[in-house]
Amino acid sequence: MKDLMKLGMIACLGAALAAGCKSDGDEMDDHGSSTEVKHVDIKEADVPDRVSSAFKQTYPKATVHKVEKETYPDGTVHYEYEFTDNGKKQEVELDASGEVLEKH
């Protein structure tokens, strides 16, 4: 019976350790390069004019709370806006040309 309890405790400890060892997103591709997307909070004033204008044209009455610049390993850059429009919290992602990619 004691052996069974020890086995149960070991199994619980192993599960707890495995859950705590979750990946933080910094993975490596086959060439040893990071595949992590870098997320950086930026000021709305630091968003390129093309992107900012496209956002304002699409959401003219929006109140912006946060803008995040996302840089992908291949150099692609997206801008994610967190905002309120008509009393509803929303998120939208635009590419560097100002094209709306994804509404959250």
N, C-alpha and C. Protein backbone atom coordinates (compact mmCIF):
# COMPACT_ATOMS: atom_id res chain seq x y z
N MET A 1 0.82 -1.19 0.00
CA MET A 1 0.00 0.00 0.00
C MET A 1 0.87 1.26 0.00
N LYS A 2 1.97 1.23 0.79
CA LYS A 2 2.86 2.39 0.82
C LYS A 2 3.50 2.62 -0.54
N ASP A 3 3.84 1.53 -1.23
CA ASP A 3 4.43 1.66 -2.56
C ASP A 3 3.45 2.31 -3.53
N LEU A 4 2.19 1.97 -3.41
CA LEU A 4 1.16 2.56 -4.27
C LEU A 4 1.02 4.06 -4.00
N MET A 5 1.08 4.45 -2.73
CA MET A 5 1.00 5.86 -2.37
C MET A 5 2.21 6.62 -2.91
N LYS A 6 3.40 6.01 -2.78
CA LYS A 6 4.62 6.64 -3.30
C LYS A 6 4.51 6.83 -4.81
N LEU A 7 4.01 5.81 -5.49
CA LEU A 7 3.86 5.87 -6.94
C LEU A 7 2.89 7.00 -7.32
N GLY A 8 1.81 7.12 -6.57
CA GLY A 8 0.83 8.18 -6.82
C GLY A 8 1.44 9.56 -6.62
N MET A 9 2.23 9.71 -5.56
CA MET A 9 2.89 11.00 -5.28
C MET A 9 3.90 11.34 -6.37
N ILE A 10 4.63 10.33 -6.82
CA ILE A 10 5.62 10.55 -7.89
C ILE A 10 4.91 10.98 -9.17
N ALA A 11 3.79 10.33 -9.47
CA ALA A 11 3.03 10.68 -10.67
C ALA A 11 2.51 12.11 -10.58
N CYS A 12 2.01 12.52 -9.41
CA CYS A 12 1.53 13.89 -9.22
C CYS A 12 2.66 14.90 -9.36
N LEU A 13 3.80 14.59 -8.78
CA LEU A 13 4.96 15.48 -8.87
C LEU A 13 5.41 15.62 -10.32
N GLY A 14 5.45 14.50 -11.04
CA GLY A 14 5.84 14.54 -12.45
C GLY A 14 4.88 15.38 -13.28
N ALA A 15 3.57 15.24 -13.01
CA ALA A 15 2.58 16.04 -13.74
C ALA A 15 2.74 17.52 -13.43
N ALA A 16 2.99 17.85 -12.16
CA ALA A 16 3.17 19.24 -11.77
C ALA A 16 4.40 19.85 -12.43
N LEU A 17 5.48 19.09 -12.48
CA LEU A 17 6.70 19.57 -13.13
C LEU A 17 6.49 19.75 -14.62
N ALA A 18 5.80 18.83 -15.25
CA ALA A 18 5.55 18.94 -16.68
C ALA A 18 4.70 20.16 -16.99
N ALA A 19 3.71 20.45 -16.17
CA ALA A 19 2.86 21.62 -16.37
C ALA A 19 3.66 22.90 -16.19
N GLY A 20 4.62 22.90 -15.29
CA GLY A 20 5.43 24.08 -15.04
C GLY A 20 6.50 24.30 -16.08
N CYS A 21 6.77 23.33 -16.92
CA CYS A 21 7.81 23.43 -17.93
C CYS A 21 7.24 23.75 -19.30
N LYS A 22 6.16 24.48 -19.34
CA LYS A 22 5.50 24.86 -20.57
C LYS A 22 6.40 25.80 -21.39
N SER A 23 6.36 25.68 -22.68
CA SER A 23 7.18 26.52 -23.56
C SER A 23 6.73 27.98 -23.49
N ASP A 24 7.68 28.90 -23.52
CA ASP A 24 7.35 30.32 -23.52
C ASP A 24 7.26 30.87 -24.93
N GLY A 25 7.23 30.02 -25.93
CA GLY A 25 7.09 30.45 -27.31
C GLY A 25 8.40 30.65 -28.03
N ASP A 26 9.51 30.57 -27.33
CA ASP A 26 10.82 30.75 -27.95
C ASP A 26 11.31 29.40 -28.44
N GLU A 27 10.86 29.03 -29.61
CA GLU A 27 11.23 27.74 -30.18
C GLU A 27 12.27 27.95 -31.26
N MET A 28 12.94 26.89 -31.62
CA MET A 28 13.95 26.96 -32.66
C MET A 28 13.46 26.22 -33.89
N ASP A 29 13.79 26.75 -35.06
CA ASP A 29 13.45 26.04 -36.28
C ASP A 29 14.57 25.05 -36.60
N ASP A 30 14.49 24.41 -37.76
CA ASP A 30 15.47 23.39 -38.13
C ASP A 30 16.88 23.94 -38.32
N HIS A 31 17.01 25.26 -38.44
CA HIS A 31 18.31 25.87 -38.67
C HIS A 31 18.87 26.53 -37.41
N GLY A 32 18.19 26.34 -36.27
CA GLY A 32 18.67 26.90 -35.02
C GLY A 32 18.29 28.35 -34.81
N SER A 33 17.40 28.89 -35.66
CA SER A 33 16.94 30.26 -35.51
C SER A 33 15.67 30.29 -34.66
N SER A 34 15.49 31.38 -33.95
CA SER A 34 14.30 31.53 -33.12
C SER A 34 13.07 31.69 -34.00
N THR A 35 11.96 31.06 -33.61
CA THR A 35 10.70 31.22 -34.32
C THR A 35 9.74 32.08 -33.51
N GLU A 36 10.26 32.74 -32.51
CA GLU A 36 9.45 33.55 -31.62
C GLU A 36 9.05 34.87 -32.29
N VAL A 37 7.79 35.23 -32.13
CA VAL A 37 7.31 36.54 -32.56
C VAL A 37 7.62 37.50 -31.43
N LYS A 38 8.26 38.61 -31.75
CA LYS A 38 8.59 39.60 -30.72
C LYS A 38 7.46 40.62 -30.63
N HIS A 39 6.94 40.79 -29.41
CA HIS A 39 5.84 41.73 -29.15
C HIS A 39 6.40 42.89 -28.33
N VAL A 40 6.20 44.11 -28.82
CA VAL A 40 6.68 45.29 -28.12
C VAL A 40 5.56 46.33 -28.09
N ASP A 41 5.22 46.82 -26.90
CA ASP A 41 4.25 47.90 -26.79
C ASP A 41 4.91 49.17 -27.31
N ILE A 42 4.17 49.91 -28.15
CA ILE A 42 4.69 51.16 -28.69
C ILE A 42 3.64 52.25 -28.51
N LYS A 43 4.08 53.48 -28.63
CA LYS A 43 3.17 54.62 -28.57
C LYS A 43 2.44 54.72 -29.90
N GLU A 44 1.21 55.19 -29.83
CA GLU A 44 0.42 55.36 -31.05
C GLU A 44 1.14 56.28 -32.03
N ALA A 45 1.85 57.26 -31.52
CA ALA A 45 2.58 58.21 -32.37
C ALA A 45 3.74 57.55 -33.13
N ASP A 46 4.18 56.37 -32.66
CA ASP A 46 5.29 55.66 -33.30
C ASP A 46 4.84 54.68 -34.38
N VAL A 47 3.53 54.58 -34.59
CA VAL A 47 3.01 53.70 -35.64
C VAL A 47 3.23 54.41 -36.99
N PRO A 48 3.69 53.70 -38.01
CA PRO A 48 3.88 54.33 -39.32
C PRO A 48 2.59 54.99 -39.82
N ASP A 49 2.73 56.12 -40.50
CA ASP A 49 1.57 56.89 -40.97
C ASP A 49 0.59 56.06 -41.78
N ARG A 50 1.11 55.21 -42.65
CA ARG A 50 0.24 54.38 -43.50
C ARG A 50 -0.68 53.50 -42.65
N VAL A 51 -0.12 52.91 -41.61
CA VAL A 51 -0.88 52.02 -40.73
C VAL A 51 -1.86 52.83 -39.88
N SER A 52 -1.36 53.91 -39.31
CA SER A 52 -2.20 54.77 -38.47
C SER A 52 -3.38 55.32 -39.26
N SER A 53 -3.14 55.78 -40.48
CA SER A 53 -4.22 56.33 -41.32
C SER A 53 -5.25 55.27 -41.66
N ALA A 54 -4.80 54.06 -41.96
CA ALA A 54 -5.72 52.97 -42.29
C ALA A 54 -6.58 52.63 -41.08
N PHE A 55 -5.96 52.61 -39.90
CA PHE A 55 -6.73 52.31 -38.69
C PHE A 55 -7.79 53.39 -38.46
N LYS A 56 -7.38 54.64 -38.55
CA LYS A 56 -8.31 55.76 -38.30
C LYS A 56 -9.43 55.81 -39.33
N GLN A 57 -9.14 55.42 -40.55
CA GLN A 57 -10.16 55.39 -41.59
C GLN A 57 -11.17 54.28 -41.31
N THR A 58 -10.69 53.14 -40.84
CA THR A 58 -11.56 52.00 -40.55
C THR A 58 -12.34 52.19 -39.25
N TYR A 59 -11.72 52.80 -38.26
CA TYR A 59 -12.33 53.01 -36.94
C TYR A 59 -12.21 54.48 -36.54
N PRO A 60 -12.95 55.37 -37.21
CA PRO A 60 -12.77 56.81 -36.98
C PRO A 60 -13.14 57.29 -35.57
N LYS A 61 -13.99 56.58 -34.87
CA LYS A 61 -14.42 57.02 -33.53
C LYS A 61 -13.77 56.21 -32.41
N ALA A 62 -12.79 55.41 -32.74
CA ALA A 62 -12.15 54.52 -31.76
C ALA A 62 -11.28 55.29 -30.77
N THR A 63 -11.25 54.78 -29.56
CA THR A 63 -10.33 55.26 -28.54
C THR A 63 -9.27 54.17 -28.35
N VAL A 64 -8.03 54.48 -28.71
CA VAL A 64 -6.95 53.50 -28.66
C VAL A 64 -6.40 53.40 -27.24
N HIS A 65 -6.28 52.16 -26.75
CA HIS A 65 -5.75 51.91 -25.41
C HIS A 65 -4.30 51.43 -25.47
N LYS A 66 -3.97 50.67 -26.52
CA LYS A 66 -2.64 50.08 -26.59
C LYS A 66 -2.35 49.70 -28.04
N VAL A 67 -1.08 49.86 -28.43
CA VAL A 67 -0.63 49.38 -29.74
C VAL A 67 0.61 48.52 -29.51
N GLU A 68 0.62 47.38 -30.16
CA GLU A 68 1.74 46.45 -30.02
C GLU A 68 2.33 46.18 -31.40
N LYS A 69 3.64 46.28 -31.49
CA LYS A 69 4.36 45.95 -32.72
C LYS A 69 4.81 44.51 -32.62
N GLU A 70 4.41 43.71 -33.61
CA GLU A 70 4.78 42.30 -33.63
C GLU A 70 5.76 42.07 -34.77
N THR A 71 6.95 41.60 -34.45
CA THR A 71 7.97 41.34 -35.46
C THR A 71 8.20 39.84 -35.54
N TYR A 72 8.00 39.30 -36.74
CA TYR A 72 8.15 37.87 -36.98
C TYR A 72 9.58 37.55 -37.39
N PRO A 73 10.01 36.31 -37.22
CA PRO A 73 11.39 35.93 -37.54
C PRO A 73 11.81 36.26 -38.98
N ASP A 74 10.86 36.28 -39.92
CA ASP A 74 11.20 36.59 -41.30
C ASP A 74 11.25 38.10 -41.57
N GLY A 75 11.05 38.92 -40.52
CA GLY A 75 11.12 40.36 -40.66
C GLY A 75 9.77 41.03 -40.88
N THR A 76 8.72 40.25 -41.08
CA THR A 76 7.38 40.80 -41.25
C THR A 76 6.95 41.51 -39.97
N VAL A 77 6.31 42.68 -40.13
CA VAL A 77 5.86 43.45 -38.98
C VAL A 77 4.35 43.66 -39.07
N HIS A 78 3.67 43.43 -37.94
CA HIS A 78 2.24 43.71 -37.82
C HIS A 78 2.05 44.63 -36.63
N TYR A 79 0.94 45.36 -36.64
CA TYR A 79 0.59 46.25 -35.55
C TYR A 79 -0.77 45.83 -35.02
N GLU A 80 -0.83 45.56 -33.72
CA GLU A 80 -2.09 45.15 -33.11
C GLU A 80 -2.60 46.28 -32.22
N TYR A 81 -3.80 46.74 -32.52
CA TYR A 81 -4.45 47.80 -31.77
C TYR A 81 -5.45 47.20 -30.79
N GLU A 82 -5.43 47.67 -29.55
CA GLU A 82 -6.49 47.39 -28.59
C GLU A 82 -7.21 48.71 -28.41
N PHE A 83 -8.52 48.69 -28.60
CA PHE A 83 -9.28 49.94 -28.61
C PHE A 83 -10.72 49.71 -28.20
N THR A 84 -11.42 50.83 -27.97
CA THR A 84 -12.85 50.79 -27.71
C THR A 84 -13.53 51.56 -28.84
N ASP A 85 -14.58 50.96 -29.40
CA ASP A 85 -15.35 51.60 -30.47
C ASP A 85 -16.83 51.35 -30.18
N ASN A 86 -17.58 52.42 -30.08
CA ASN A 86 -19.01 52.32 -29.73
C ASN A 86 -19.23 51.54 -28.44
N GLY A 87 -18.37 51.77 -27.45
CA GLY A 87 -18.51 51.15 -26.15
C GLY A 87 -18.06 49.70 -26.08
N LYS A 88 -17.53 49.17 -27.16
CA LYS A 88 -17.13 47.77 -27.21
C LYS A 88 -15.61 47.66 -27.33
N LYS A 89 -14.97 46.88 -26.42
CA LYS A 89 -13.53 46.66 -26.50
C LYS A 89 -13.23 45.71 -27.65
N GLN A 90 -12.22 46.07 -28.45
CA GLN A 90 -11.87 45.27 -29.61
C GLN A 90 -10.37 45.24 -29.80
N GLU A 91 -9.93 44.34 -30.67
CA GLU A 91 -8.54 44.28 -31.11
C GLU A 91 -8.54 44.03 -32.60
N VAL A 92 -7.57 44.63 -33.28
CA VAL A 92 -7.42 44.40 -34.71
C VAL A 92 -5.94 44.43 -35.04
N GLU A 93 -5.56 43.63 -36.02
CA GLU A 93 -4.17 43.55 -36.45
C GLU A 93 -4.06 44.06 -37.88
N LEU A 94 -3.07 44.91 -38.13
CA LEU A 94 -2.81 45.45 -39.46
C LEU A 94 -1.38 45.14 -39.86
N ASP A 95 -1.17 44.96 -41.16
CA ASP A 95 0.20 44.75 -41.61
C ASP A 95 0.86 46.11 -41.85
N ALA A 96 2.10 46.10 -42.25
CA ALA A 96 2.87 47.34 -42.40
C ALA A 96 2.35 48.24 -43.52
N SER A 97 1.54 47.68 -44.43
CA SER A 97 0.96 48.51 -45.50
C SER A 97 -0.37 49.11 -45.08
N GLY A 98 -0.89 48.72 -43.91
CA GLY A 98 -2.15 49.25 -43.41
C GLY A 98 -3.35 48.35 -43.68
N GLU A 99 -3.10 47.18 -44.25
CA GLU A 99 -4.20 46.25 -44.53
C GLU A 99 -4.65 45.58 -43.23
N VAL A 100 -5.97 45.57 -42.99
CA VAL A 100 -6.51 44.91 -41.82
C VAL A 100 -6.40 43.40 -42.04
N LEU A 101 -5.73 42.73 -41.10
CA LEU A 101 -5.49 41.29 -41.23
C LEU A 101 -6.47 40.47 -40.42
N GLU A 102 -6.68 40.88 -39.18
CA GLU A 102 -7.47 40.05 -38.29
C GLU A 102 -8.12 40.92 -37.23
N LYS A 103 -9.42 40.73 -37.08
CA LYS A 103 -10.14 41.43 -36.02
C LYS A 103 -10.36 40.42 -34.91
N HIS A 104 -10.07 40.82 -33.67
CA HIS A 104 -10.21 39.89 -32.53
C HIS A 104 -11.47 40.24 -31.77
